[in-house]
Amino acid sequence: MQRAIELSIESVNIGGGPFGSVIVKENKIISEGSNEVTLINDPTAHGEIVAIRQACKSLNNFNLSGCEQYSTCEPCPMCLSAIYWARIDKI
């Protein structure tokens, strides 16, 4: 969770939104994301989504079973849906 908070602070410092997220598998961070909506003009680039995309690439699999996701805020409906479809075990 501490890393997610650090990511949110870093995001604000470069003009992004104050949101950070990490995905953990077997007690190791496998991906990180921060809000990039305004930075890349993508309304879907929330921190949770960015972290999910990175985790899927890292594991070469859309199924993130066995993973936990930590976020600096309550995920919005879009992010909750992505978390559900990625099969993340715990938020």
PDB file of N, CA and C in Angstrom:
ATOM      1  N   MET A   1       0.823  -1.189   0.000  1.00  0.00           N
ATOM      2  CA  MET A   1       0.000   0.000   0.000  1.00  0.00           C
ATOM      3  C   MET A   1       0.868   1.254   0.000  1.00  0.00           C
ATOM      4  N   GLN A   2       1.978   1.178   0.694  1.00  0.00           N
ATOM      5  CA  GLN A   2       2.880   2.331   0.729  1.00  0.00           C
ATOM      6  C   GLN A   2       3.323   2.716  -0.680  1.00  0.00           C
ATOM      7  N   ARG A   3       3.618   1.734  -1.520  1.00  0.00           N
ATOM      8  CA  ARG A   3       4.047   2.029  -2.894  1.00  0.00           C
ATOM      9  C   ARG A   3       2.914   2.679  -3.682  1.00  0.00           C
ATOM     10  N   ALA A   4       1.690   2.256  -3.476  1.00  0.00           N
ATOM     11  CA  ALA A   4       0.549   2.872  -4.159  1.00  0.00           C
ATOM     12  C   ALA A   4       0.426   4.345  -3.768  1.00  0.00           C
ATOM     13  N   ILE A   5       0.636   4.648  -2.510  1.00  0.00           N
ATOM     14  CA  ILE A   5       0.601   6.039  -2.044  1.00  0.00           C
ATOM     15  C   ILE A   5       1.718   6.841  -2.694  1.00  0.00           C
ATOM     16  N   GLU A   6       2.916   6.270  -2.755  1.00  0.00           N
ATOM     17  CA  GLU A   6       4.040   6.946  -3.411  1.00  0.00           C
ATOM     18  C   GLU A   6       3.720   7.236  -4.878  1.00  0.00           C
ATOM     19  N   LEU A   7       3.104   6.273  -5.559  1.00  0.00           N
ATOM     20  CA  LEU A   7       2.737   6.460  -6.965  1.00  0.00           C
ATOM     21  C   LEU A   7       1.735   7.594  -7.132  1.00  0.00           C
ATOM     22  N   SER A   8       0.792   7.709  -6.215  1.00  0.00           N
ATOM     23  CA  SER A   8      -0.201   8.784  -6.319  1.00  0.00           C
ATOM     24  C   SER A   8       0.456  10.151  -6.148  1.00  0.00           C
ATOM     25  N   ILE A   9       1.409  10.257  -5.254  1.00  0.00           N
ATOM     26  CA  ILE A   9       2.135  11.514  -5.053  1.00  0.00           C
ATOM     27  C   ILE A   9       2.965  11.843  -6.287  1.00  0.00           C
ATOM     28  N   GLU A  10       3.661  10.848  -6.823  1.00  0.00           N
ATOM     29  CA  GLU A  10       4.454  11.051  -8.040  1.00  0.00           C
ATOM     30  C   GLU A  10       3.565  11.501  -9.191  1.00  0.00           C
ATOM     31  N   SER A  11       2.382  10.929  -9.300  1.00  0.00           N
ATOM     32  CA  SER A  11       1.456  11.275 -10.371  1.00  0.00           C
ATOM     33  C   SER A  11       1.039  12.742 -10.284  1.00  0.00           C
ATOM     34  N   VAL A  12       0.705  13.193  -9.093  1.00  0.00           N
ATOM     35  CA  VAL A  12       0.318  14.592  -8.906  1.00  0.00           C
ATOM     36  C   VAL A  12       1.469  15.517  -9.298  1.00  0.00           C
ATOM     37  N   ASN A  13       2.676  15.132  -8.938  1.00  0.00           N
ATOM     38  CA  ASN A  13       3.845  15.971  -9.225  1.00  0.00           C
ATOM     39  C   ASN A  13       4.112  16.142 -10.715  1.00  0.00           C
ATOM     40  N   ILE A  14       3.608  15.234 -11.552  1.00  0.00           N
ATOM     41  CA  ILE A  14       3.817  15.371 -12.999  1.00  0.00           C
ATOM     42  C   ILE A  14       2.532  15.755 -13.736  1.00  0.00           C
ATOM     43  N   GLY A  15       1.508  16.145 -12.985  1.00  0.00           N
ATOM     44  CA  GLY A  15       0.279  16.625 -13.601  1.00  0.00           C
ATOM     45  C   GLY A  15      -0.821  15.603 -13.762  1.00  0.00           C
ATOM     46  N   GLY A  16      -0.649  14.425 -13.204  1.00  0.00           N
ATOM     47  CA  GLY A  16      -1.676  13.388 -13.279  1.00  0.00           C
ATOM     48  C   GLY A  16      -2.619  13.458 -12.097  1.00  0.00           C
ATOM     49  N   GLY A  17      -3.557  12.538 -12.064  1.00  0.00           N
ATOM     50  CA  GLY A  17      -4.503  12.473 -10.956  1.00  0.00           C
ATOM     51  C   GLY A  17      -3.877  11.826  -9.729  1.00  0.00           C
ATOM     52  N   PRO A  18      -4.433  12.087  -8.546  1.00  0.00           N
ATOM     53  CA  PRO A  18      -3.844  11.594  -7.296  1.00  0.00           C
ATOM     54  C   PRO A  18      -4.246  10.162  -6.949  1.00  0.00           C
ATOM     55  N   PHE A  19      -4.000   9.250  -7.877  1.00  0.00           N
ATOM     56  CA  PHE A  19      -4.407   7.866  -7.656  1.00  0.00           C
ATOM     57  C   PHE A  19      -3.282   6.918  -8.037  1.00  0.00           C
ATOM     58  N   GLY A  20      -3.002   5.954  -7.164  1.00  0.00           N
ATOM     59  CA  GLY A  20      -1.980   4.948  -7.444  1.00  0.00           C
ATOM     60  C   GLY A  20      -2.499   3.563  -7.124  1.00  0.00           C
ATOM     61  N   SER A  21      -1.902   2.569  -7.775  1.00  0.00           N
ATOM     62  CA  SER A  21      -2.343   1.191  -7.581  1.00  0.00           C
ATOM     63  C   SER A  21      -1.187   0.235  -7.840  1.00  0.00           C
ATOM     64  N   VAL A  22      -1.153  -0.839  -7.091  1.00  0.00           N
ATOM     65  CA  VAL A  22      -0.172  -1.903  -7.331  1.00  0.00           C
ATOM     66  C   VAL A  22      -0.893  -3.243  -7.328  1.00  0.00           C
ATOM     67  N   ILE A  23      -0.328  -4.191  -8.067  1.00  0.00           N
ATOM     68  CA  ILE A  23      -0.833  -5.562  -8.064  1.00  0.00           C
ATOM     69  C   ILE A  23       0.274  -6.451  -7.520  1.00  0.00           C
ATOM     70  N   VAL A  24      -0.122  -7.315  -6.596  1.00  0.00           N
ATOM     71  CA  VAL A  24       0.821  -8.174  -5.880  1.00  0.00           C
ATOM     72  C   VAL A  24       0.474  -9.633  -6.140  1.00  0.00           C
ATOM     73  N   LYS A  25       1.495 -10.431  -6.373  1.00  0.00           N
ATOM     74  CA  LYS A  25       1.326 -11.881  -6.482  1.00  0.00           C
ATOM     75  C   LYS A  25       2.432 -12.531  -5.671  1.00  0.00           C
ATOM     76  N   GLU A  26       2.045 -13.427  -4.797  1.00  0.00           N
ATOM     77  CA  GLU A  26       2.995 -14.124  -3.928  1.00  0.00           C
ATOM     78  C   GLU A  26       3.886 -13.132  -3.180  1.00  0.00           C
ATOM     79  N   ASN A  27       3.250 -12.098  -2.621  1.00  0.00           N
ATOM     80  CA  ASN A  27       3.908 -11.071  -1.807  1.00  0.00           C
ATOM     81  C   ASN A  27       4.942 -10.241  -2.557  1.00  0.00           C
ATOM     82  N   LYS A  28       4.843 -10.195  -3.887  1.00  0.00           N
ATOM     83  CA  LYS A  28       5.768  -9.402  -4.689  1.00  0.00           C
ATOM     84  C   LYS A  28       4.965  -8.498  -5.620  1.00  0.00           C
ATOM     85  N   ILE A  29       5.348  -7.226  -5.691  1.00  0.00           N
ATOM     86  CA  ILE A  29       4.684  -6.306  -6.611  1.00  0.00           C
ATOM     87  C   ILE A  29       5.039  -6.715  -8.034  1.00  0.00           C
ATOM     88  N   ILE A  30       4.010  -7.001  -8.837  1.00  0.00           N
ATOM     89  CA  ILE A  30       4.255  -7.389 -10.231  1.00  0.00           C
ATOM     90  C   ILE A  30       3.896  -6.279 -11.211  1.00  0.00           C
ATOM     91  N   SER A  31       3.131  -5.276 -10.735  1.00  0.00           N
ATOM     92  CA  SER A  31       2.825  -4.139 -11.610  1.00  0.00           C
ATOM     93  C   SER A  31       2.421  -2.932 -10.777  1.00  0.00           C
ATOM     94  N   GLU A  32       2.569  -1.780 -11.394  1.00  0.00           N
ATOM     95  CA  GLU A  32       2.230  -0.513 -10.761  1.00  0.00           C
ATOM     96  C   GLU A  32       1.466   0.338 -11.760  1.00  0.00           C
ATOM     97  N   GLY A  33       0.617   1.195 -11.255  1.00  0.00           N
ATOM     98  CA  GLY A  33      -0.087   2.120 -12.134  1.00  0.00           C
ATOM     99  C   GLY A  33      -0.483   3.373 -11.389  1.00  0.00           C
ATOM    100  N   SER A  34      -0.513   4.469 -12.111  1.00  0.00           N
ATOM    101  CA  SER A  34      -1.036   5.712 -11.558  1.00  0.00           C
ATOM    102  C   SER A  34      -1.956   6.327 -12.598  1.00  0.00           C
ATOM    103  N   ASN A  35      -2.764   7.272 -12.167  1.00  0.00           N
ATOM    104  CA  ASN A  35      -3.744   7.874 -13.058  1.00  0.00           C
ATOM    105  C   ASN A  35      -3.044   8.652 -14.167  1.00  0.00           C
ATOM    106  N   GLU A  36      -3.308   8.251 -15.419  1.00  0.00           N
ATOM    107  CA  GLU A  36      -2.691   8.883 -16.587  1.00  0.00           C
ATOM    108  C   GLU A  36      -3.729   9.538 -17.499  1.00  0.00           C
ATOM    109  N   VAL A  37      -4.943   9.707 -17.006  1.00  0.00           N
ATOM    110  CA  VAL A  37      -6.046  10.211 -17.833  1.00  0.00           C
ATOM    111  C   VAL A  37      -5.670  11.509 -18.534  1.00  0.00           C
ATOM    112  N   THR A  38      -5.233  12.502 -17.772  1.00  0.00           N
ATOM    113  CA  THR A  38      -4.915  13.802 -18.375  1.00  0.00           C
ATOM    114  C   THR A  38      -3.574  13.799 -19.090  1.00  0.00           C
ATOM    115  N   LEU A  39      -2.688  12.917 -18.703  1.00  0.00           N
ATOM    116  CA  LEU A  39      -1.354  12.881 -19.318  1.00  0.00           C
ATOM    117  C   LEU A  39      -1.385  12.317 -20.730  1.00  0.00           C
ATOM    118  N   ILE A  40      -2.228  11.298 -20.960  1.00  0.00           N
ATOM    119  CA  ILE A  40      -2.263  10.673 -22.290  1.00  0.00           C
ATOM    120  C   ILE A  40      -3.631  10.816 -22.967  1.00  0.00           C
ATOM    121  N   ASN A  41      -4.495  11.636 -22.363  1.00  0.00           N
ATOM    122  CA  ASN A  41      -5.836  11.882 -22.913  1.00  0.00           C
ATOM    123  C   ASN A  41      -6.608  10.591 -23.167  1.00  0.00           C
ATOM    124  N   ASP A  42      -6.625   9.743 -22.146  1.00  0.00           N
ATOM    125  CA  ASP A  42      -7.328   8.463 -22.217  1.00  0.00           C
ATOM    126  C   ASP A  42      -8.214   8.344 -20.981  1.00  0.00           C
ATOM    127  N   PRO A  43      -9.526   8.456 -21.143  1.00  0.00           N
ATOM    128  CA  PRO A  43     -10.410   8.412 -19.980  1.00  0.00           C
ATOM    129  C   PRO A  43     -10.428   7.073 -19.251  1.00  0.00           C
ATOM    130  N   THR A  44      -9.856   6.032 -19.846  1.00  0.00           N
ATOM    131  CA  THR A  44      -9.814   4.722 -19.181  1.00  0.00           C
ATOM    132  C   THR A  44      -8.499   4.483 -18.448  1.00  0.00           C
ATOM    133  N   ALA A  45      -7.583   5.419 -18.488  1.00  0.00           N
ATOM    134  CA  ALA A  45      -6.246   5.206 -17.916  1.00  0.00           C
ATOM    135  C   ALA A  45      -6.203   5.504 -16.419  1.00  0.00           C
ATOM    136  N   HIS A  46      -7.127   4.909 -15.679  1.00  0.00           N
ATOM    137  CA  HIS A  46      -7.096   5.017 -14.218  1.00  0.00           C
ATOM    138  C   HIS A  46      -5.952   4.155 -13.692  1.00  0.00           C
ATOM    139  N   GLY A  47      -5.482   4.461 -12.493  1.00  0.00           N
ATOM    140  CA  GLY A  47      -4.361   3.724 -11.922  1.00  0.00           C
ATOM    141  C   GLY A  47      -4.587   2.227 -11.873  1.00  0.00           C
ATOM    142  N   GLU A  48      -5.790   1.814 -11.515  1.00  0.00           N
ATOM    143  CA  GLU A  48      -6.093   0.386 -11.434  1.00  0.00           C
ATOM    144  C   GLU A  48      -6.003  -0.278 -12.807  1.00  0.00           C
ATOM    145  N   ILE A  49      -6.529   0.398 -13.821  1.00  0.00           N
ATOM    146  CA  ILE A  49      -6.519  -0.151 -15.179  1.00  0.00           C
ATOM    147  C   ILE A  49      -5.095  -0.225 -15.714  1.00  0.00           C
ATOM    148  N   VAL A  50      -4.317   0.830 -15.482  1.00  0.00           N
ATOM    149  CA  VAL A  50      -2.917   0.840 -15.928  1.00  0.00           C
ATOM    150  C   VAL A  50      -2.160  -0.326 -15.289  1.00  0.00           C
ATOM    151  N   ALA A  51      -2.384  -0.555 -13.993  1.00  0.00           N
ATOM    152  CA  ALA A  51      -1.719  -1.662 -13.299  1.00  0.00           C
ATOM    153  C   ALA A  51      -2.181  -3.014 -13.835  1.00  0.00           C
ATOM    154  N   ILE A  52      -3.470  -3.158 -14.128  1.00  0.00           N
ATOM    155  CA  ILE A  52      -3.985  -4.416 -14.680  1.00  0.00           C
ATOM    156  C   ILE A  52      -3.357  -4.690 -16.037  1.00  0.00           C
ATOM    157  N   ARG A  53      -3.312  -3.682 -16.896  1.00  0.00           N
ATOM    158  CA  ARG A  53      -2.710  -3.864 -18.223  1.00  0.00           C
ATOM    159  C   ARG A  53      -1.257  -4.314 -18.103  1.00  0.00           C
ATOM    160  N   GLN A  54      -0.521  -3.669 -17.203  1.00  0.00           N
ATOM    161  CA  GLN A  54       0.890  -4.018 -17.018  1.00  0.00           C
ATOM    162  C   GLN A  54       1.041  -5.438 -16.464  1.00  0.00           C
ATOM    163  N   ALA A  55       0.191  -5.816 -15.518  1.00  0.00           N
ATOM    164  CA  ALA A  55       0.260  -7.164 -14.939  1.00  0.00           C
ATOM    165  C   ALA A  55      -0.039  -8.228 -15.989  1.00  0.00           C
ATOM    166  N   CYS A  56      -1.037  -7.979 -16.825  1.00  0.00           N
ATOM    167  CA  CYS A  56      -1.377  -8.940 -17.883  1.00  0.00           C
ATOM    168  C   CYS A  56      -0.221  -9.116 -18.857  1.00  0.00           C
ATOM    169  N   LYS A  57       0.439  -8.027 -19.199  1.00  0.00           N
ATOM    170  CA  LYS A  57       1.608  -8.118 -20.083  1.00  0.00           C
ATOM    171  C   LYS A  57       2.740  -8.867 -19.394  1.00  0.00           C
ATOM    172  N   SER A  58       2.969  -8.548 -18.136  1.00  0.00           N
ATOM    173  CA  SER A  58       4.055  -9.171 -17.378  1.00  0.00           C
ATOM    174  C   SER A  58       3.866 -10.681 -17.252  1.00  0.00           C
ATOM    175  N   LEU A  59       2.631 -11.103 -16.995  1.00  0.00           N
ATOM    176  CA  LEU A  59       2.339 -12.531 -16.821  1.00  0.00           C
ATOM    177  C   LEU A  59       1.949 -13.212 -18.129  1.00  0.00           C
ATOM    178  N   ASN A  60       1.792 -12.417 -19.183  1.00  0.00           N
ATOM    179  CA  ASN A  60       1.361 -12.925 -20.488  1.00  0.00           C
ATOM    180  C   ASN A  60       0.054 -13.710 -20.361  1.00  0.00           C
ATOM    181  N   ASN A  61      -0.874 -13.103 -19.589  1.00  0.00           N
ATOM    182  CA  ASN A  61      -2.143 -13.774 -19.325  1.00  0.00           C
ATOM    183  C   ASN A  61      -3.156 -12.738 -18.850  1.00  0.00           C
ATOM    184  N   PHE A  62      -4.393 -12.835 -19.312  1.00  0.00           N
ATOM    185  CA  PHE A  62      -5.430 -11.923 -18.827  1.00  0.00           C
ATOM    186  C   PHE A  62      -5.985 -12.366 -17.479  1.00  0.00           C
ATOM    187  N   ASN A  63      -5.722 -13.601 -17.090  1.00  0.00           N
ATOM    188  CA  ASN A  63      -6.239 -14.159 -15.845  1.00  0.00           C
ATOM    189  C   ASN A  63      -5.255 -13.857 -14.715  1.00  0.00           C
ATOM    190  N   LEU A  64      -5.651 -12.954 -13.832  1.00  0.00           N
ATOM    191  CA  LEU A  64      -4.782 -12.554 -12.727  1.00  0.00           C
ATOM    192  C   LEU A  64      -5.184 -13.222 -11.413  1.00  0.00           C
ATOM    193  N   SER A  65      -5.718 -14.434 -11.500  1.00  0.00           N
ATOM    194  CA  SER A  65      -6.031 -15.204 -10.291  1.00  0.00           C
ATOM    195  C   SER A  65      -4.771 -15.341  -9.456  1.00  0.00           C
ATOM    196  N   GLY A  66      -4.940 -15.278  -8.147  1.00  0.00           N
ATOM    197  CA  GLY A  66      -3.797 -15.364  -7.250  1.00  0.00           C
ATOM    198  C   GLY A  66      -3.176 -14.011  -6.959  1.00  0.00           C
ATOM    199  N   CYS A  67      -3.731 -12.959  -7.556  1.00  0.00           N
ATOM    200  CA  CYS A  67      -3.201 -11.605  -7.352  1.00  0.00           C
ATOM    201  C   CYS A  67      -4.110 -10.805  -6.421  1.00  0.00           C
ATOM    202  N   GLU A  68      -3.513  -9.799  -5.808  1.00  0.00           N
ATOM    203  CA  GLU A  68      -4.235  -8.830  -4.991  1.00  0.00           C
ATOM    204  C   GLU A  68      -3.940  -7.450  -5.554  1.00  0.00           C
ATOM    205  N   GLN A  69      -4.926  -6.558  -5.522  1.00  0.00           N
ATOM    206  CA  GLN A  69      -4.718  -5.200  -6.013  1.00  0.00           C
ATOM    207  C   GLN A  69      -4.938  -4.217  -4.872  1.00  0.00           C
ATOM    208  N   TYR A  70      -4.020  -3.284  -4.753  1.00  0.00           N
ATOM    209  CA  TYR A  70      -4.095  -2.240  -3.740  1.00  0.00           C
ATOM    210  C   TYR A  70      -4.228  -0.902  -4.451  1.00  0.00           C
ATOM    211  N   SER A  71      -5.126  -0.074  -3.962  1.00  0.00           N
ATOM    212  CA  SER A  71      -5.397   1.215  -4.586  1.00  0.00           C
ATOM    213  C   SER A  71      -5.523   2.280  -3.509  1.00  0.00           C
ATOM    214  N   THR A  72      -5.181   3.516  -3.874  1.00  0.00           N
ATOM    215  CA  THR A  72      -5.250   4.608  -2.903  1.00  0.00           C
ATOM    216  C   THR A  72      -6.658   5.150  -2.719  1.00  0.00           C
ATOM    217  N   CYS A  73      -7.606   4.637  -3.462  1.00  0.00           N
ATOM    218  CA  CYS A  73      -9.000   5.049  -3.277  1.00  0.00           C
ATOM    219  C   CYS A  73      -9.908   3.881  -3.655  1.00  0.00           C
ATOM    220  N   GLU A  74     -11.180   4.049  -3.387  1.00  0.00           N
ATOM    221  CA  GLU A  74     -12.138   3.016  -3.776  1.00  0.00           C
ATOM    222  C   GLU A  74     -12.252   2.992  -5.297  1.00  0.00           C
ATOM    223  N   PRO A  75     -12.088   1.839  -5.923  1.00  0.00           N
ATOM    224  CA  PRO A  75     -12.181   1.771  -7.385  1.00  0.00           C
ATOM    225  C   PRO A  75     -13.567   2.183  -7.894  1.00  0.00           C
ATOM    226  N   CYS A  76     -13.569   2.886  -9.021  1.00  0.00           N
ATOM    227  CA  CYS A  76     -14.821   3.300  -9.657  1.00  0.00           C
ATOM    228  C   CYS A  76     -15.476   2.077 -10.313  1.00  0.00           C
ATOM    229  N   PRO A  77     -16.706   2.210 -10.805  1.00  0.00           N
ATOM    230  CA  PRO A  77     -17.370   1.072 -11.453  1.00  0.00           C
ATOM    231  C   PRO A  77     -16.586   0.487 -12.631  1.00  0.00           C
ATOM    232  N   MET A  78     -15.955   1.333 -13.438  1.00  0.00           N
ATOM    233  CA  MET A  78     -15.166   0.826 -14.564  1.00  0.00           C
ATOM    234  C   MET A  78     -14.008  -0.042 -14.061  1.00  0.00           C
ATOM    235  N   CYS A  79     -13.311   0.458 -13.051  1.00  0.00           N
ATOM    236  CA  CYS A  79     -12.168  -0.287 -12.519  1.00  0.00           C
ATOM    237  C   CYS A  79     -12.614  -1.572 -11.827  1.00  0.00           C
ATOM    238  N   LEU A  80     -13.721  -1.511 -11.098  1.00  0.00           N
ATOM    239  CA  LEU A  80     -14.246  -2.729 -10.463  1.00  0.00           C
ATOM    240  C   LEU A  80     -14.581  -3.787 -11.506  1.00  0.00           C
ATOM    241  N   SER A  81     -15.130  -3.355 -12.623  1.00  0.00           N
ATOM    242  CA  SER A  81     -15.438  -4.307 -13.695  1.00  0.00           C
ATOM    243  C   SER A  81     -14.168  -4.937 -14.246  1.00  0.00           C
ATOM    244  N   ALA A  82     -13.142  -4.132 -14.467  1.00  0.00           N
ATOM    245  CA  ALA A  82     -11.872  -4.662 -14.977  1.00  0.00           C
ATOM    246  C   ALA A  82     -11.248  -5.625 -13.974  1.00  0.00           C
ATOM    247  N   ILE A  83     -11.323  -5.287 -12.698  1.00  0.00           N
ATOM    248  CA  ILE A  83     -10.798  -6.165 -11.646  1.00  0.00           C
ATOM    249  C   ILE A  83     -11.549  -7.500 -11.670  1.00  0.00           C
ATOM    250  N   TYR A  84     -12.856  -7.437 -11.816  1.00  0.00           N
ATOM    251  CA  TYR A  84     -13.671  -8.650 -11.893  1.00  0.00           C
ATOM    252  C   TYR A  84     -13.258  -9.504 -13.093  1.00  0.00           C
ATOM    253  N   TRP A  85     -13.185  -8.890 -14.280  1.00  0.00           N
ATOM    254  CA  TRP A  85     -12.873  -9.641 -15.498  1.00  0.00           C
ATOM    255  C   TRP A  85     -11.442 -10.164 -15.498  1.00  0.00           C
ATOM    256  N   ALA A  86     -10.536  -9.492 -14.785  1.00  0.00           N
ATOM    257  CA  ALA A  86      -9.154  -9.972 -14.682  1.00  0.00           C
ATOM    258  C   ALA A  86      -9.026 -11.076 -13.629  1.00  0.00           C
ATOM    259  N   ARG A  87     -10.103 -11.288 -12.881  1.00  0.00           N
ATOM    260  CA  ARG A  87     -10.157 -12.355 -11.868  1.00  0.00           C
ATOM    261  C   ARG A  87      -9.183 -12.144 -10.708  1.00  0.00           C
ATOM    262  N   ILE A  88      -8.955 -10.902 -10.365  1.00  0.00           N
ATOM    263  CA  ILE A  88      -8.098 -10.580  -9.222  1.00  0.00           C
ATOM    264  C   ILE A  88      -8.812 -11.041  -7.953  1.00  0.00           C
ATOM    265  N   ASP A  89      -8.070 -11.702  -7.068  1.00  0.00           N
ATOM    266  CA  ASP A  89      -8.669 -12.329  -5.888  1.00  0.00           C
ATOM    267  C   ASP A  89      -9.117 -11.354  -4.805  1.00  0.00           C
ATOM    268  N   LYS A  90      -8.374 -10.264  -4.627  1.00  0.00           N
ATOM    269  CA  LYS A  90      -8.633  -9.401  -3.474  1.00  0.00           C
ATOM    270  C   LYS A  90      -8.320  -7.957  -3.833  1.00  0.00           C
ATOM    271  N   ILE A  91      -9.166  -7.054  -3.332  1.00  0.00           N
ATOM    272  CA  ILE A  91      -8.927  -5.617  -3.510  1.00  0.00           C
ATOM    273  C   ILE A  91      -8.629  -5.035  -2.143  1.00  0.00           C
TER     274      ILE A  91
END
